[in-house]
Amino acid sequence: MPEIADQQLEALQNRKAEALAGGGEKRIQAQHERGKLTARERIEILLDEGTFEELDPLVKPRNVERGPEAVVTGWGHVDGRPVYLFSYDFTVLGGSLSEAVAEKILKVMDLAMMTGTPIVGIQDSGGARIQDGPESLRGFGEMFAMNTLASGVIPQISVIMGPCAGGAVYSPAITDFIFMTDGIGQMYITGPDVIRSVTGEEITHEELGGADAHARQSGVAHFAIEGERETLAEVRRLLSFLPSNNAEDAPLIPGLEPNEAANEELLSIIPDEPNRPYDVREVIYRLIDTGDFLEVHENYAQNIVVGFGRIMGTTVGFVCNQPMQLAGVLDTEASRKAARFVRFCDCFNIPLVTLVDIPGYLPGSSQEHNGIITHGAKLLFAYSEATVPKIAIILRKAYGGAYLVMSSKHLRGDMNFAWPGAELAVMGPDQAISIINRRDLAEAKDPEKKRAELVAEYKEKFGNPYIPAGRGFLDDVIDPRETRQKIVRSLEMLQNKADRNPPKKHGNIPL
């Protein structure tokens, strides 16, 4: 019996060793020569040391006679919290998706859903396995369906560390966040060769679907990071801000409060002149714990800033107009970016803090023809349907419909404050005077002097926060130095908020 047992254990160890070997030494070496880590190396870096528990290591390809399958799946811990994951193995048949690969991935996705646990997918795949025919396509379809069902239930994160082309791109596209490693990760529906043959356009893989292209131009990628280790470190950082599922709150991680000097600095960050730029991040840094702000979509639609910070250890989602870019106006891209972020925060019980300094929407025929009406409505819809605590601070100006969209009382905002120099109006003083006092200006002996008088009169009557505060549109006008404390107290007051939307299957957001 002992001899038989030894033989059985040896056979088991051999099979496990075969699975650990992936595509073999030569292919692993080739992977490293491309500047890429292997599937298992990536898992080891992402997870807490020694916590990885692999699932289905003995599954083999069904239509080709070769070693293990082209994906490693299982679960482990990040900062002591459970995470499910799958990592495509490019050393095995180019990481191609077969029927068996899809089944392995679907199993961990199902487990993640049942246990209320985030899932991370590391992509490095040549696409559907041709030898599996329609079965590989079925696998993609079932993964898309599972991604859709998991949306808003558990956080889903995609990490692009190699090719991701054709139908394979749609699974990451449904997930909540996409990380791309610069110079390594690529995403596109049709590659350069197909584009060249159909349209004659010459374009490289990087230009078409590289990290920079998707982080700056398309907005498909939320994060573009140089280096695989650095990318995985940022995935860990993101997970630290998020709850495990939609029935939980994000973990409380106490940090240091900003010092008194930070509060005093809020008095001088924003210029008195309404059109002078400043960096809204300088306001954010002085409101959050220890300055730890994780910006999302940093390089896309830079006229609005969104991201995660902590206030008294509580994760908060920030949505902020950025006067450094396009004067902080809303356009099609900024509206989509902000709406997506607001909806994510609402899915996962993350309170929203909105910092407002907005002159309006970007004018122009290109904006109108590219659907600013529909895209702008997305943000209106997102704020209106959100039931998490919503706190807004008007820092300098809020004009017209853009005032409404930035978490105003009229879109079910909970707490709305303004700094003393804030202006709330239908439009800015110069534009307003040009319309309502056109005749007075035309008849004036000194038009410039008359304009200055009328602008001053307009500001006194309309361009201040006290008139809307008197109507209850603002809950208070506050000393800028009190901003963090007002947010803290508002979050305390709203922690048991139970807002309800009308019973329905789901809303029909303008897409």
Protein backbone atom coordinates (compact mmCIF):
# COMPACT_ATOMS: atom_id res chain seq x y z
CA MET A 1 0.00 0.00 0.00
CA PRO A 2 2.69 2.54 0.83
CA GLU A 3 4.35 1.85 -2.54
CA ILE A 4 1.06 2.38 -4.40
CA ALA A 5 0.42 5.55 -2.43
CA ASP A 6 3.90 6.80 -3.31
CA GLN A 7 3.24 6.13 -6.98
CA GLN A 8 -0.06 7.97 -6.81
CA LEU A 9 1.52 10.95 -5.10
CA GLU A 10 4.31 10.99 -7.65
CA ALA A 11 1.77 10.95 -10.49
CA LEU A 12 -0.10 13.83 -8.83
CA GLN A 13 3.09 15.83 -8.40
CA ASN A 14 4.00 15.27 -12.05
CA ARG A 15 0.62 16.54 -13.19
CA LYS A 16 0.87 19.59 -10.92
CA ALA A 17 4.39 20.27 -12.19
CA GLU A 18 3.12 20.12 -15.78
CA ALA A 19 0.43 22.67 -14.93
CA LEU A 20 2.96 24.98 -13.25
CA ALA A 21 5.23 24.77 -16.29
CA GLY A 22 2.67 26.48 -18.53
CA GLY A 23 3.81 26.47 -22.14
CA GLY A 24 7.29 25.27 -21.21
CA GLU A 25 10.67 26.85 -20.58
CA LYS A 26 11.21 28.14 -24.14
CA ARG A 27 7.85 29.94 -24.28
CA ILE A 28 8.32 31.36 -20.78
CA GLN A 29 11.71 32.68 -21.87
CA ALA A 30 10.12 34.22 -24.97
CA GLN A 31 7.51 35.87 -22.75
CA HIS A 32 10.26 37.41 -20.61
CA GLU A 33 12.17 38.54 -23.69
CA ARG A 34 9.10 40.51 -24.74
CA GLY A 35 9.32 42.35 -21.42
CA LYS A 36 6.29 40.51 -20.07
CA LEU A 37 5.69 38.50 -16.91
CA THR A 38 3.97 35.13 -16.94
CA ALA A 39 0.42 34.55 -15.77
CA ARG A 40 1.56 33.09 -12.46
CA GLU A 41 4.17 35.79 -11.84
CA ARG A 42 1.46 38.41 -12.25
CA ILE A 43 -0.77 36.65 -9.74
CA GLU A 44 2.05 36.43 -7.20
CA ILE A 45 2.68 40.18 -7.47
CA LEU A 46 -1.00 41.13 -7.22
CA LEU A 47 -1.91 38.99 -4.21
CA ASP A 48 -0.66 38.97 -0.64
CA GLU A 49 2.27 36.57 -0.37
CA GLY A 50 1.31 32.92 0.00
CA THR A 51 -2.45 33.41 -0.30
CA PHE A 52 -3.14 32.13 -3.82
CA GLU A 53 -5.41 29.09 -4.04
CA GLU A 54 -5.59 27.76 -7.58
CA LEU A 55 -8.72 26.25 -9.09
CA ASP A 56 -8.82 23.74 -11.96
CA PRO A 57 -5.03 23.44 -12.48
CA LEU A 58 -5.49 20.00 -14.10
CA VAL A 59 -7.90 21.10 -16.84
CA LYS A 60 -6.45 20.33 -20.28
CA PRO A 61 -7.23 21.56 -23.81
CA ARG A 62 -9.84 19.42 -25.54
CA ASN A 63 -9.11 19.84 -29.23
CA VAL A 64 -5.32 20.04 -29.17
CA GLU A 65 -2.95 17.55 -27.52
CA ARG A 66 -0.92 19.81 -25.31
CA GLY A 67 -0.26 20.50 -21.60
CA PRO A 68 -2.35 22.73 -19.34
CA GLU A 69 -5.01 25.21 -20.43
CA ALA A 70 -4.30 28.81 -21.30
CA VAL A 71 -5.61 30.50 -18.16
CA VAL A 72 -4.75 30.35 -14.45
CA THR A 73 -7.71 30.86 -12.11
CA GLY A 74 -8.28 30.96 -8.38
CA TRP A 75 -8.53 33.27 -5.40
CA GLY A 76 -6.35 34.94 -2.78
CA HIS A 77 -6.10 38.08 -0.68
CA VAL A 78 -5.24 41.71 -1.29
CA ASP A 79 -4.54 43.54 1.96
CA GLY A 80 -6.16 40.63 3.77
CA ARG A 81 -9.42 40.82 1.78
CA PRO A 82 -10.49 38.03 -0.60
CA VAL A 83 -10.28 38.54 -4.38
CA TYR A 84 -11.03 36.13 -7.22
CA LEU A 85 -8.96 36.35 -10.37
CA PHE A 86 -8.04 34.82 -13.69
CA SER A 87 -4.85 35.39 -15.64
CA TYR A 88 -4.47 34.39 -19.30
CA ASP A 89 -1.29 32.41 -20.01
CA PHE A 90 0.17 33.58 -23.32
CA THR A 91 2.79 30.80 -23.19
CA VAL A 92 0.01 28.24 -23.78
CA LEU A 93 -1.42 28.51 -27.29
CA GLY A 94 -1.06 32.28 -27.22
CA GLY A 95 -3.50 32.55 -24.32
CA SER A 96 -6.34 31.73 -26.72
CA LEU A 97 -9.83 31.25 -25.36
CA SER A 98 -11.21 27.75 -25.74
CA GLU A 99 -14.32 26.10 -24.39
CA ALA A 100 -12.34 24.88 -21.37
CA VAL A 101 -10.71 28.29 -20.76
CA ALA A 102 -14.14 29.92 -20.75
CA GLU A 103 -15.47 27.32 -18.31
CA LYS A 104 -12.57 27.96 -15.92
CA ILE A 105 -13.18 31.71 -16.03
CA LEU A 106 -16.95 31.35 -15.67
CA LYS A 107 -16.45 29.18 -12.57
CA VAL A 108 -14.46 31.87 -10.72
CA MET A 109 -16.85 34.58 -11.88
CA ASP A 110 -19.75 32.56 -10.50
CA LEU A 111 -17.92 32.00 -7.20
CA ALA A 112 -17.16 35.72 -6.96
CA MET A 113 -20.84 36.53 -7.44
CA MET A 114 -22.00 33.94 -4.89
CA THR A 115 -19.50 35.10 -2.26
CA GLY A 116 -19.74 38.84 -2.92
CA THR A 117 -16.06 39.19 -3.83
CA PRO A 118 -14.27 41.44 -6.35
CA ILE A 119 -12.84 39.81 -9.47
CA VAL A 120 -9.71 40.80 -11.40
CA GLY A 121 -9.09 39.59 -14.95
CA ILE A 122 -5.56 39.82 -16.38
CA GLN A 123 -5.74 39.81 -20.18
CA ASP A 124 -2.96 38.49 -22.41
CA SER A 125 -4.66 36.55 -25.15
CA GLY A 126 -4.63 36.04 -28.89
CA GLY A 127 -8.43 35.77 -28.91
CA ALA A 128 -10.75 32.89 -29.68
CA ARG A 129 -9.11 29.50 -30.33
CA ILE A 130 -9.76 28.60 -33.94
CA GLN A 131 -9.61 24.84 -33.23
CA ASP A 132 -12.59 25.12 -30.86
CA GLY A 133 -14.78 26.77 -33.48
CA PRO A 134 -18.16 28.06 -32.26
CA GLU A 135 -17.53 26.69 -28.75
CA SER A 136 -14.92 29.38 -28.15
CA LEU A 137 -17.38 32.01 -29.34
CA ARG A 138 -20.01 30.57 -27.00
CA GLY A 139 -17.49 30.98 -24.20
CA PHE A 140 -17.05 34.68 -24.95
CA GLY A 141 -20.81 35.18 -25.07
CA GLU A 142 -21.39 33.52 -21.70
CA MET A 143 -18.60 35.59 -20.16
CA PHE A 144 -20.21 38.80 -21.49
CA ALA A 145 -23.51 37.74 -19.94
CA MET A 146 -21.86 36.99 -16.59
CA ASN A 147 -20.02 40.36 -16.69
CA THR A 148 -23.38 42.04 -17.24
CA LEU A 149 -25.08 40.21 -14.36
CA ALA A 150 -22.15 41.00 -12.05
CA SER A 151 -22.20 44.70 -12.97
CA GLY A 152 -23.14 46.75 -9.94
CA VAL A 153 -22.97 43.67 -7.68
CA ILE A 154 -19.21 43.12 -7.31
CA PRO A 155 -16.31 45.29 -8.48
CA GLN A 156 -14.87 44.00 -11.77
CA ILE A 157 -11.38 45.06 -12.80
CA SER A 158 -9.62 44.28 -16.08
CA VAL A 159 -5.84 44.47 -16.51
CA ILE A 160 -4.58 44.52 -20.11
CA MET A 161 -1.05 43.12 -20.23
CA GLY A 162 -0.86 41.90 -23.76
CA PRO A 163 -3.11 41.61 -26.80
CA CYS A 164 -6.86 41.83 -26.39
CA ALA A 165 -8.54 41.94 -29.78
CA GLY A 166 -11.79 41.27 -31.58
CA GLY A 167 -14.68 40.04 -29.48
CA ALA A 168 -12.36 39.61 -26.49
CA VAL A 169 -12.42 43.37 -25.83
CA TYR A 170 -16.07 43.38 -24.82
CA SER A 171 -15.60 41.57 -21.52
CA PRO A 172 -13.18 44.25 -20.23
CA ALA A 173 -15.43 46.95 -21.67
CA ILE A 174 -18.30 45.82 -19.43
CA THR A 175 -16.13 45.78 -16.31
CA ASP A 176 -15.81 48.76 -13.98
CA PHE A 177 -12.17 49.70 -14.51
CA ILE A 178 -9.57 48.95 -17.17
CA PHE A 179 -5.83 49.16 -16.46
CA MET A 180 -3.41 49.05 -19.38
CA THR A 181 0.35 48.59 -19.16
CA ASP A 182 2.03 51.08 -21.44
CA GLY A 183 3.89 49.54 -24.37
CA ILE A 184 2.54 46.05 -23.61
CA GLY A 185 -1.26 46.12 -23.44
CA GLN A 186 -3.28 46.60 -26.64
CA MET A 187 -7.02 46.61 -27.34
CA TYR A 188 -8.87 46.90 -30.63
CA ILE A 189 -11.79 45.38 -32.52
CA THR A 190 -9.96 45.09 -35.84
CA GLY A 191 -6.18 45.14 -36.11
CA PRO A 192 -3.90 47.23 -38.32
CA ASP A 193 -3.74 44.58 -41.06
CA VAL A 194 -7.52 44.42 -41.44
CA ILE A 195 -7.80 48.20 -41.36
CA ARG A 196 -5.14 48.49 -44.05
CA SER A 197 -6.84 45.97 -46.32
CA VAL A 198 -10.31 47.51 -45.94
CA THR A 199 -9.61 51.25 -45.72
CA GLY A 200 -6.01 51.69 -46.82
CA GLU A 201 -5.17 53.41 -43.52
CA GLU A 202 -1.65 52.79 -42.20
CA ILE A 203 -1.47 52.59 -38.41
CA THR A 204 0.64 50.74 -35.85
CA HIS A 205 -0.66 48.48 -33.09
CA GLU A 206 0.28 51.06 -30.44
CA GLU A 207 -1.26 53.98 -32.30
CA LEU A 208 -4.45 52.01 -32.82
CA GLY A 209 -4.97 50.32 -29.48
CA GLY A 210 -2.10 51.06 -27.11
CA ALA A 211 -2.44 52.30 -23.55
CA ASP A 212 -1.88 55.95 -24.44
CA ALA A 213 -4.44 55.86 -27.26
CA HIS A 214 -7.14 54.49 -24.97
CA ALA A 215 -6.20 56.58 -21.92
CA ARG A 216 -6.12 59.90 -23.81
CA GLN A 217 -8.28 59.59 -26.91
CA SER A 218 -10.98 56.93 -26.60
CA GLY A 219 -11.37 56.91 -22.82
CA VAL A 220 -11.62 53.10 -22.89
CA ALA A 221 -8.75 52.77 -20.40
CA HIS A 222 -9.11 54.32 -16.95
CA PHE A 223 -5.43 53.89 -16.09
CA ALA A 224 -2.31 53.72 -18.30
CA ILE A 225 0.76 52.78 -16.30
CA GLU A 226 4.36 52.04 -17.24
CA GLY A 227 5.57 48.66 -16.02
CA GLU A 228 3.66 45.50 -15.08
CA ARG A 229 4.64 45.56 -11.41
CA GLU A 230 3.60 49.20 -11.15
CA THR A 231 0.28 48.42 -12.86
CA LEU A 232 -0.51 45.62 -10.43
CA ALA A 233 0.45 47.84 -7.48
CA GLU A 234 -2.14 50.38 -8.66
CA VAL A 235 -4.77 47.64 -8.95
CA ARG A 236 -4.10 46.82 -5.28
CA ARG A 237 -4.40 50.52 -4.45
CA LEU A 238 -7.75 50.80 -6.22
CA LEU A 239 -9.11 47.75 -4.40
CA SER A 240 -8.25 49.40 -1.07
CA PHE A 241 -10.82 52.14 -1.83
CA LEU A 242 -13.63 49.76 -2.82
CA PRO A 243 -16.12 47.60 -0.94
CA SER A 244 -16.21 43.89 -1.71
CA ASN A 245 -19.77 44.09 -3.04
CA ASN A 246 -22.86 46.30 -3.29
CA ALA A 247 -24.17 45.26 0.14
CA GLU A 248 -21.08 46.46 2.00
CA ASP A 249 -19.31 49.74 2.61
CA ALA A 250 -15.72 50.40 1.63
CA PRO A 251 -13.18 49.52 4.34
CA LEU A 252 -12.53 52.25 6.90
CA ILE A 253 -8.85 53.16 6.74
CA PRO A 254 -8.09 56.04 9.12
CA GLY A 255 -5.43 58.49 8.02
CA LEU A 256 -3.99 61.80 9.10
CA GLU A 257 -6.18 64.89 8.94
CA PRO A 258 -4.93 67.88 6.97
CA ASN A 259 -3.21 70.36 9.27
CA GLU A 260 -4.52 73.83 10.06
CA ALA A 261 -2.25 75.30 7.39
CA ALA A 262 -4.14 73.31 4.73
CA ASN A 263 -7.41 74.92 5.81
CA GLU A 264 -5.84 78.39 5.64
CA GLU A 265 -4.47 77.66 2.16
CA LEU A 266 -8.01 77.16 0.88
CA LEU A 267 -8.42 80.94 1.16
CA SER A 268 -5.75 81.62 -1.45
CA ILE A 269 -6.01 78.78 -3.99
CA ILE A 270 -8.88 80.23 -6.01
CA PRO A 271 -8.25 83.56 -7.81
CA ASP A 272 -10.69 86.41 -7.31
CA GLU A 273 -11.04 86.83 -11.08
CA PRO A 274 -13.75 84.43 -12.33
CA ASN A 275 -11.84 83.52 -15.50
CA ARG A 276 -8.37 82.87 -14.08
CA PRO A 277 -7.43 79.16 -13.98
CA TYR A 278 -6.28 77.09 -11.00
CA ASP A 279 -5.82 73.38 -10.35
CA VAL A 280 -8.85 71.95 -8.54
CA ARG A 281 -6.66 69.08 -7.29
CA GLU A 282 -5.07 71.60 -4.91
CA VAL A 283 -8.48 71.93 -3.25
CA ILE A 284 -8.99 68.15 -3.16
CA TYR A 285 -5.59 67.53 -1.52
CA ARG A 286 -6.53 69.87 1.34
CA LEU A 287 -9.84 68.14 1.99
CA ILE A 288 -8.81 64.48 2.06
CA ASP A 289 -6.85 62.38 4.53
CA THR A 290 -3.07 62.33 4.04
CA GLY A 291 -3.27 63.58 0.48
CA ASP A 292 -3.99 60.10 -0.95
CA PHE A 293 -6.10 60.80 -4.05
CA LEU A 294 -6.52 58.12 -6.73
CA GLU A 295 -7.53 59.92 -9.90
CA VAL A 296 -9.55 57.96 -12.47
CA HIS A 297 -9.29 58.76 -16.20
CA GLU A 298 -6.49 61.22 -15.41
CA ASN A 299 -5.52 61.74 -19.06
CA TYR A 300 -9.00 61.75 -20.60
CA ALA A 301 -11.48 64.66 -20.64
CA GLN A 302 -9.22 66.65 -18.35
CA ASN A 303 -11.78 69.45 -17.93
CA ILE A 304 -13.32 67.33 -15.21
CA VAL A 305 -11.50 65.47 -12.42
CA VAL A 306 -12.91 62.30 -10.88
CA GLY A 307 -11.38 59.91 -8.39
CA PHE A 308 -11.30 58.42 -4.91
CA GLY A 309 -10.06 59.93 -1.66
CA ARG A 310 -10.75 59.36 2.03
CA ILE A 311 -12.27 61.68 4.58
CA MET A 312 -11.99 60.47 8.18
CA GLY A 313 -11.11 57.07 6.77
CA THR A 314 -14.25 56.85 4.62
CA THR A 315 -13.92 56.39 0.86
CA VAL A 316 -15.42 59.31 -1.03
CA GLY A 317 -15.85 59.80 -4.78
CA PHE A 318 -14.88 63.27 -6.03
CA VAL A 319 -16.35 64.91 -9.15
CA CYS A 320 -14.77 68.30 -9.81
CA ASN A 321 -14.74 70.87 -12.60
CA GLN A 322 -11.15 71.61 -13.65
CA PRO A 323 -10.58 75.30 -14.58
CA MET A 324 -7.10 74.41 -15.86
CA GLN A 325 -8.67 72.74 -18.92
CA LEU A 326 -11.23 74.45 -21.17
CA ALA A 327 -12.13 76.68 -18.20
CA GLY A 328 -13.86 73.68 -16.61
CA VAL A 329 -16.76 73.54 -19.08
CA LEU A 330 -18.70 70.35 -19.68
CA ASP A 331 -18.40 68.72 -23.10
CA THR A 332 -19.39 65.32 -24.50
CA GLU A 333 -16.35 63.47 -23.15
CA ALA A 334 -16.38 65.06 -19.69
CA SER A 335 -20.10 64.35 -19.32
CA ARG A 336 -19.66 60.65 -20.16
CA LYS A 337 -16.62 60.35 -17.90
CA ALA A 338 -18.35 61.91 -14.91
CA ALA A 339 -21.64 60.05 -15.45
CA ARG A 340 -19.88 56.69 -15.51
CA PHE A 341 -18.01 57.51 -12.30
CA VAL A 342 -21.11 58.77 -10.48
CA ARG A 343 -22.99 55.59 -11.36
CA PHE A 344 -20.12 53.39 -10.15
CA CYS A 345 -20.05 55.20 -6.80
CA ASP A 346 -23.81 54.86 -6.50
CA CYS A 347 -23.60 51.11 -7.22
CA PHE A 348 -21.12 50.56 -4.42
CA ASN A 349 -22.31 52.86 -1.64
CA ILE A 350 -19.56 55.44 -2.05
CA PRO A 351 -20.62 59.00 -1.09
CA LEU A 352 -20.12 61.72 -3.68
CA VAL A 353 -18.45 65.09 -3.12
CA THR A 354 -18.82 67.52 -6.03
CA LEU A 355 -16.63 70.63 -6.30
CA VAL A 356 -18.28 73.12 -8.64
CA ASP A 357 -16.68 75.87 -10.70
CA ILE A 358 -18.35 75.76 -14.08
CA PRO A 359 -19.13 78.45 -16.68
CA GLY A 360 -21.42 76.21 -18.75
CA TYR A 361 -21.31 73.73 -21.62
CA LEU A 362 -18.73 73.92 -24.42
CA PRO A 363 -20.37 75.70 -27.37
CA GLY A 364 -19.88 74.78 -31.02
CA SER A 365 -21.33 72.80 -33.88
CA SER A 366 -18.97 69.85 -33.28
CA GLN A 367 -20.33 69.48 -29.74
CA GLU A 368 -23.93 69.67 -30.92
CA HIS A 369 -23.36 67.24 -33.77
CA ASN A 370 -21.49 64.83 -31.48
CA GLY A 371 -24.46 64.65 -29.13
CA ILE A 372 -23.76 67.00 -26.24
CA ILE A 373 -27.51 66.97 -25.56
CA THR A 374 -27.54 63.22 -25.03
CA HIS A 375 -24.16 63.03 -23.30
CA GLY A 376 -24.93 65.96 -21.02
CA ALA A 377 -28.19 64.24 -20.10
CA LYS A 378 -26.20 61.18 -18.96
CA LEU A 379 -24.72 63.20 -16.10
CA LEU A 380 -28.10 64.68 -15.20
CA PHE A 381 -29.52 61.16 -15.14
CA ALA A 382 -26.64 59.76 -13.07
CA TYR A 383 -26.89 62.38 -10.34
CA SER A 384 -30.70 62.23 -10.28
CA GLU A 385 -30.89 58.46 -9.84
CA ALA A 386 -28.01 58.22 -7.33
CA THR A 387 -29.15 57.42 -3.78
CA VAL A 388 -25.79 57.67 -1.99
CA PRO A 389 -25.01 60.79 0.07
CA LYS A 390 -24.37 63.71 -2.31
CA ILE A 391 -22.53 66.81 -1.09
CA ALA A 392 -21.68 69.74 -3.36
CA ILE A 393 -19.60 72.85 -2.75
CA ILE A 394 -19.71 75.75 -5.22
CA LEU A 395 -16.20 77.17 -5.16
CA ARG A 396 -16.50 80.09 -7.56
CA LYS A 397 -19.18 80.05 -10.25
CA ALA A 398 -22.08 77.91 -11.44
CA TYR A 399 -23.96 79.16 -14.49
CA GLY A 400 -27.06 77.99 -16.30
CA GLY A 401 -27.88 74.35 -16.93
CA ALA A 402 -24.34 73.43 -15.91
CA TYR A 403 -25.16 74.61 -12.37
CA LEU A 404 -28.10 72.22 -12.32
CA VAL A 405 -26.16 69.17 -13.51
CA MET A 406 -23.38 69.40 -10.89
CA SER A 407 -25.29 67.76 -8.04
CA SER A 408 -27.66 70.66 -7.40
CA LYS A 409 -30.53 70.49 -4.92
CA HIS A 410 -32.83 70.23 -7.89
CA LEU A 411 -31.29 66.85 -8.82
CA ARG A 412 -31.83 65.46 -5.31
CA GLY A 413 -28.54 66.72 -3.91
CA ASP A 414 -28.43 66.27 -0.14
CA MET A 415 -26.17 69.04 1.13
CA ASN A 416 -25.19 72.04 -0.98
CA PHE A 417 -22.76 74.71 0.18
CA ALA A 418 -21.08 77.70 -1.44
CA TRP A 419 -18.04 79.79 -0.68
CA PRO A 420 -18.72 83.53 -0.13
CA GLY A 421 -17.40 84.58 -3.54
CA ALA A 422 -19.53 82.07 -5.45
CA GLU A 423 -21.79 83.18 -8.29
CA LEU A 424 -25.01 81.31 -9.13
CA ALA A 425 -26.76 82.71 -12.17
CA VAL A 426 -28.36 81.90 -15.50
CA MET A 427 -25.17 83.12 -17.17
CA GLY A 428 -22.04 85.16 -16.48
CA PRO A 429 -22.36 88.93 -15.99
CA ASP A 430 -20.71 89.96 -19.29
CA GLN A 431 -22.94 87.74 -21.41
CA ALA A 432 -26.04 88.66 -19.43
CA ILE A 433 -25.44 92.41 -19.78
CA SER A 434 -24.82 92.03 -23.52
CA ILE A 435 -28.32 90.53 -23.85
CA ILE A 436 -30.54 92.32 -21.36
CA ASN A 437 -28.88 95.75 -21.63
CA ARG A 438 -28.11 95.76 -25.33
CA ARG A 439 -29.98 99.02 -25.98
CA ASP A 440 -28.45 100.79 -22.92
CA LEU A 441 -24.96 99.92 -24.11
CA ALA A 442 -25.69 101.04 -27.68
CA GLU A 443 -27.00 104.43 -26.50
CA ALA A 444 -24.29 105.08 -23.86
CA LYS A 445 -21.77 107.87 -24.46
CA ASP A 446 -19.11 105.72 -22.79
CA PRO A 447 -20.08 102.07 -23.48
CA GLU A 448 -17.21 100.57 -21.46
CA LYS A 449 -17.98 102.66 -18.37
CA LYS A 450 -21.68 101.80 -18.73
CA ARG A 451 -20.85 98.11 -19.09
CA ALA A 452 -18.75 98.18 -15.91
CA GLU A 453 -21.62 99.82 -14.00
CA LEU A 454 -24.16 97.31 -15.29
CA VAL A 455 -21.88 94.34 -14.53
CA ALA A 456 -21.40 95.55 -10.95
CA GLU A 457 -25.16 95.98 -10.58
CA TYR A 458 -25.79 92.49 -12.02
CA LYS A 459 -23.28 90.91 -9.61
CA GLU A 460 -24.92 92.63 -6.65
CA LYS A 461 -28.40 91.47 -7.68
CA PHE A 462 -27.66 87.99 -9.07
CA GLY A 463 -23.96 87.08 -8.91
CA ASN A 464 -23.67 86.04 -5.29
CA PRO A 465 -24.63 83.00 -3.19
CA TYR A 466 -27.00 84.76 -0.80
CA ILE A 467 -29.99 84.95 -3.11
CA PRO A 468 -30.07 81.15 -3.78
CA ALA A 469 -29.28 80.55 -0.09
CA GLY A 470 -32.29 82.66 0.77
CA ARG A 471 -34.43 80.38 -1.40
CA GLY A 472 -33.04 77.21 0.19
CA PHE A 473 -31.13 76.17 -2.96
CA LEU A 474 -28.00 76.22 -0.77
CA ASP A 475 -27.92 74.84 2.74
CA ASP A 476 -25.31 77.38 3.80
CA VAL A 477 -22.65 79.82 2.67
CA ILE A 478 -19.45 78.76 4.43
CA ASP A 479 -15.97 79.95 5.24
CA PRO A 480 -13.65 78.00 2.88
CA ARG A 481 -11.59 76.95 5.90
CA GLU A 482 -14.63 75.05 7.21
CA THR A 483 -15.11 72.98 4.05
CA ARG A 484 -13.61 69.70 5.26
CA GLN A 485 -15.47 69.92 8.57
CA LYS A 486 -18.75 70.59 6.76
CA ILE A 487 -18.17 67.50 4.60
CA VAL A 488 -17.31 65.41 7.68
CA ARG A 489 -20.45 66.48 9.54
CA SER A 490 -22.62 65.99 6.46
CA LEU A 491 -21.29 62.45 5.98
CA GLU A 492 -22.03 61.70 9.63
CA MET A 493 -25.55 63.02 9.26
CA LEU A 494 -26.18 61.12 6.02
CA GLN A 495 -24.60 57.78 6.97
CA ASN A 496 -28.01 56.13 7.43
CA LYS A 497 -29.56 57.78 4.38
CA ALA A 498 -32.24 55.57 2.81
CA ASP A 499 -33.39 57.19 -0.42
CA ARG A 500 -35.59 55.06 -2.66
CA ASN A 501 -36.23 55.22 -6.36
CA PRO A 502 -39.64 54.18 -7.81
CA PRO A 503 -40.06 50.41 -8.34
CA LYS A 504 -38.95 49.51 -11.86
CA LYS A 505 -36.82 47.04 -13.75
CA HIS A 506 -34.25 49.76 -14.52
CA GLY A 507 -34.16 53.26 -15.93
CA ASN A 508 -33.47 54.03 -19.57
CA ILE A 509 -30.34 56.19 -19.38
CA PRO A 510 -29.75 58.21 -22.59
CA LEU A 511 -26.94 56.24 -24.25
